[in-house]
Amino acid sequence: MVKHIVVFKLKGTKDERLTLARQFKSALEALPEQIAVLKDIEVGINENPAEDWDIVLTATLEQMADVPVYAQHPAHLAAASIIANHKESRACVDYNC
């Protein structure tokens, strides 16, 4: 199994970032039903005001080769478009578990 963990920092006011984060979370959570290689996804919105990052996702896939399949799937691209123009930073770690 592979864990695909991504964190995002968004641009905008606190309220704008929260609205975008909620929309993004909803879209991401619908992906396991749409993308066969995606076994599970968990999405969290940061509630700690002392931290700078806004959203974290942890996706579970069967093998590393499934990561680009997931990333390039039209449903994932549609979800990603929600924050595309509002993304300040992104960090990612993929590992076998």
C-alpha atoms as a PDB file:
ATOM      1  CA  MET A   1       0.000   0.000   0.000  1.00  0.00           C
ATOM      2  CA  VAL A   2       1.045   3.591  -0.631  1.00  0.00           C
ATOM      3  CA  LYS A   3       0.199   6.662   1.415  1.00  0.00           C
ATOM      4  CA  HIS A   4       0.012   9.907  -0.569  1.00  0.00           C
ATOM      5  CA  ILE A   5       0.053  12.849   1.844  1.00  0.00           C
ATOM      6  CA  VAL A   6      -0.344  16.413   0.622  1.00  0.00           C
ATOM      7  CA  VAL A   7      -0.630  19.704   2.509  1.00  0.00           C
ATOM      8  CA  PHE A   8      -1.775  22.997   1.033  1.00  0.00           C
ATOM      9  CA  LYS A   9      -1.442  26.616   2.041  1.00  0.00           C
ATOM     10  CA  LEU A  10      -4.039  28.834   0.394  1.00  0.00           C
ATOM     11  CA  LYS A  11      -4.133  32.540  -0.467  1.00  0.00           C
ATOM     12  CA  GLY A  12      -6.817  34.911   0.736  1.00  0.00           C
ATOM     13  CA  THR A  13      -8.548  35.927   3.913  1.00  0.00           C
ATOM     14  CA  LYS A  14      -9.261  33.393   6.631  1.00  0.00           C
ATOM     15  CA  ASP A  15     -12.915  33.172   5.523  1.00  0.00           C
ATOM     16  CA  GLU A  16     -11.997  32.813   1.835  1.00  0.00           C
ATOM     17  CA  ARG A  17      -9.503  30.056   2.635  1.00  0.00           C
ATOM     18  CA  LEU A  18     -12.024  28.225   4.808  1.00  0.00           C
ATOM     19  CA  THR A  19     -14.708  28.370   2.096  1.00  0.00           C
ATOM     20  CA  LEU A  20     -12.285  27.022  -0.510  1.00  0.00           C
ATOM     21  CA  ALA A  21     -11.012  24.346   1.878  1.00  0.00           C
ATOM     22  CA  ARG A  22     -14.545  23.107   2.536  1.00  0.00           C
ATOM     23  CA  GLN A  23     -15.339  22.942  -1.196  1.00  0.00           C
ATOM     24  CA  PHE A  24     -12.056  21.151  -1.909  1.00  0.00           C
ATOM     25  CA  LYS A  25     -12.607  18.693   0.968  1.00  0.00           C
ATOM     26  CA  SER A  26     -16.066  17.795  -0.312  1.00  0.00           C
ATOM     27  CA  ALA A  27     -14.794  17.222  -3.852  1.00  0.00           C
ATOM     28  CA  LEU A  28     -11.843  15.110  -2.674  1.00  0.00           C
ATOM     29  CA  GLU A  29     -13.977  12.936  -0.416  1.00  0.00           C
ATOM     30  CA  ALA A  30     -16.127  11.978  -3.412  1.00  0.00           C
ATOM     31  CA  LEU A  31     -13.131  10.668  -5.387  1.00  0.00           C
ATOM     32  CA  PRO A  32     -12.903   7.050  -4.113  1.00  0.00           C
ATOM     33  CA  GLU A  33     -16.222   6.310  -5.820  1.00  0.00           C
ATOM     34  CA  GLN A  34     -14.915   7.805  -9.069  1.00  0.00           C
ATOM     35  CA  ILE A  35     -11.294   6.631  -9.230  1.00  0.00           C
ATOM     36  CA  ALA A  36     -10.767   2.864  -9.042  1.00  0.00           C
ATOM     37  CA  VAL A  37      -7.106   3.014  -7.915  1.00  0.00           C
ATOM     38  CA  LEU A  38      -7.980   5.274  -4.966  1.00  0.00           C
ATOM     39  CA  LYS A  39      -8.717   2.981  -2.038  1.00  0.00           C
ATOM     40  CA  ASP A  40      -9.398   5.677   0.566  1.00  0.00           C
ATOM     41  CA  ILE A  41      -8.943   9.382   1.206  1.00  0.00           C
ATOM     42  CA  GLU A  42      -9.048  11.424   4.395  1.00  0.00           C
ATOM     43  CA  VAL A  43      -9.119  15.214   4.230  1.00  0.00           C
ATOM     44  CA  GLY A  44      -8.631  17.590   7.140  1.00  0.00           C
ATOM     45  CA  ILE A  45      -8.989  21.349   7.435  1.00  0.00           C
ATOM     46  CA  ASN A  46      -6.550  22.917   9.864  1.00  0.00           C
ATOM     47  CA  GLU A  47      -8.193  24.163  13.063  1.00  0.00           C
ATOM     48  CA  ASN A  48      -4.981  25.320  14.760  1.00  0.00           C
ATOM     49  CA  PRO A  49      -4.616  29.106  14.282  1.00  0.00           C
ATOM     50  CA  ALA A  50      -0.925  28.892  15.226  1.00  0.00           C
ATOM     51  CA  GLU A  51      -0.168  26.876  12.052  1.00  0.00           C
ATOM     52  CA  ASP A  52       0.098  28.193   8.487  1.00  0.00           C
ATOM     53  CA  TRP A  53      -1.136  25.225   6.412  1.00  0.00           C
ATOM     54  CA  ASP A  54      -4.835  25.021   5.531  1.00  0.00           C
ATOM     55  CA  ILE A  55      -5.599  21.507   4.249  1.00  0.00           C
ATOM     56  CA  VAL A  56      -4.105  18.034   4.503  1.00  0.00           C
ATOM     57  CA  LEU A  57      -5.096  14.942   2.579  1.00  0.00           C
ATOM     58  CA  THR A  58      -4.039  11.360   3.058  1.00  0.00           C
ATOM     59  CA  ALA A  59      -4.866   9.053   0.173  1.00  0.00           C
ATOM     60  CA  THR A  60      -4.321   5.292   0.137  1.00  0.00           C
ATOM     61  CA  LEU A  61      -3.445   3.530  -3.104  1.00  0.00           C
ATOM     62  CA  GLU A  62      -2.353  -0.021  -3.854  1.00  0.00           C
ATOM     63  CA  GLN A  63       1.020   0.769  -5.461  1.00  0.00           C
ATOM     64  CA  MET A  64       3.242   3.737  -6.344  1.00  0.00           C
ATOM     65  CA  ALA A  65       2.316   3.398 -10.030  1.00  0.00           C
ATOM     66  CA  ASP A  66      -1.269   4.291  -9.058  1.00  0.00           C
ATOM     67  CA  VAL A  67      -0.293   7.777  -7.833  1.00  0.00           C
ATOM     68  CA  PRO A  68      -0.022   9.336 -11.322  1.00  0.00           C
ATOM     69  CA  VAL A  69      -3.168   7.499 -12.433  1.00  0.00           C
ATOM     70  CA  TYR A  70      -5.028   9.128  -9.536  1.00  0.00           C
ATOM     71  CA  ALA A  71      -3.355  12.514 -10.076  1.00  0.00           C
ATOM     72  CA  GLN A  72      -4.234  12.641 -13.787  1.00  0.00           C
ATOM     73  CA  HIS A  73      -7.792  11.327 -13.477  1.00  0.00           C
ATOM     74  CA  PRO A  74     -10.370  13.884 -14.716  1.00  0.00           C
ATOM     75  CA  ALA A  75     -12.283  13.771 -11.408  1.00  0.00           C
ATOM     76  CA  HIS A  76      -9.105  14.582  -9.463  1.00  0.00           C
ATOM     77  CA  LEU A  77      -8.215  17.371 -11.895  1.00  0.00           C
ATOM     78  CA  ALA A  78     -11.699  18.846 -11.423  1.00  0.00           C
ATOM     79  CA  ALA A  79     -11.283  18.771  -7.641  1.00  0.00           C
ATOM     80  CA  ALA A  80      -7.824  20.325  -7.881  1.00  0.00           C
ATOM     81  CA  SER A  81      -9.191  23.151 -10.032  1.00  0.00           C
ATOM     82  CA  ILE A  82     -11.168  24.399  -7.009  1.00  0.00           C
ATOM     83  CA  ILE A  83      -7.983  25.675  -5.365  1.00  0.00           C
ATOM     84  CA  ALA A  84      -5.713  26.011  -8.420  1.00  0.00           C
ATOM     85  CA  ASN A  85      -5.777  29.819  -8.490  1.00  0.00           C
ATOM     86  CA  HIS A  86      -5.677  30.110  -4.705  1.00  0.00           C
ATOM     87  CA  LYS A  87      -2.782  27.796  -3.873  1.00  0.00           C
ATOM     88  CA  GLU A  88       0.183  29.481  -2.218  1.00  0.00           C
ATOM     89  CA  SER A  89       2.161  26.334  -1.382  1.00  0.00           C
ATOM     90  CA  ARG A  90       1.935  22.565  -1.696  1.00  0.00           C
ATOM     91  CA  ALA A  91       4.047  19.824  -0.127  1.00  0.00           C
ATOM     92  CA  CYS A  92       3.755  16.101  -0.815  1.00  0.00           C
ATOM     93  CA  VAL A  93       5.155  12.841   0.545  1.00  0.00           C
ATOM     94  CA  ASP A  94       4.462   9.419  -1.003  1.00  0.00           C
ATOM     95  CA  TYR A  95       5.615   6.290   0.824  1.00  0.00           C
ATOM     96  CA  ASN A  96       5.081   2.543   0.882  1.00  0.00           C
ATOM     97  CA  CYS A  97       3.510   1.169   4.016  1.00  0.00           C
END
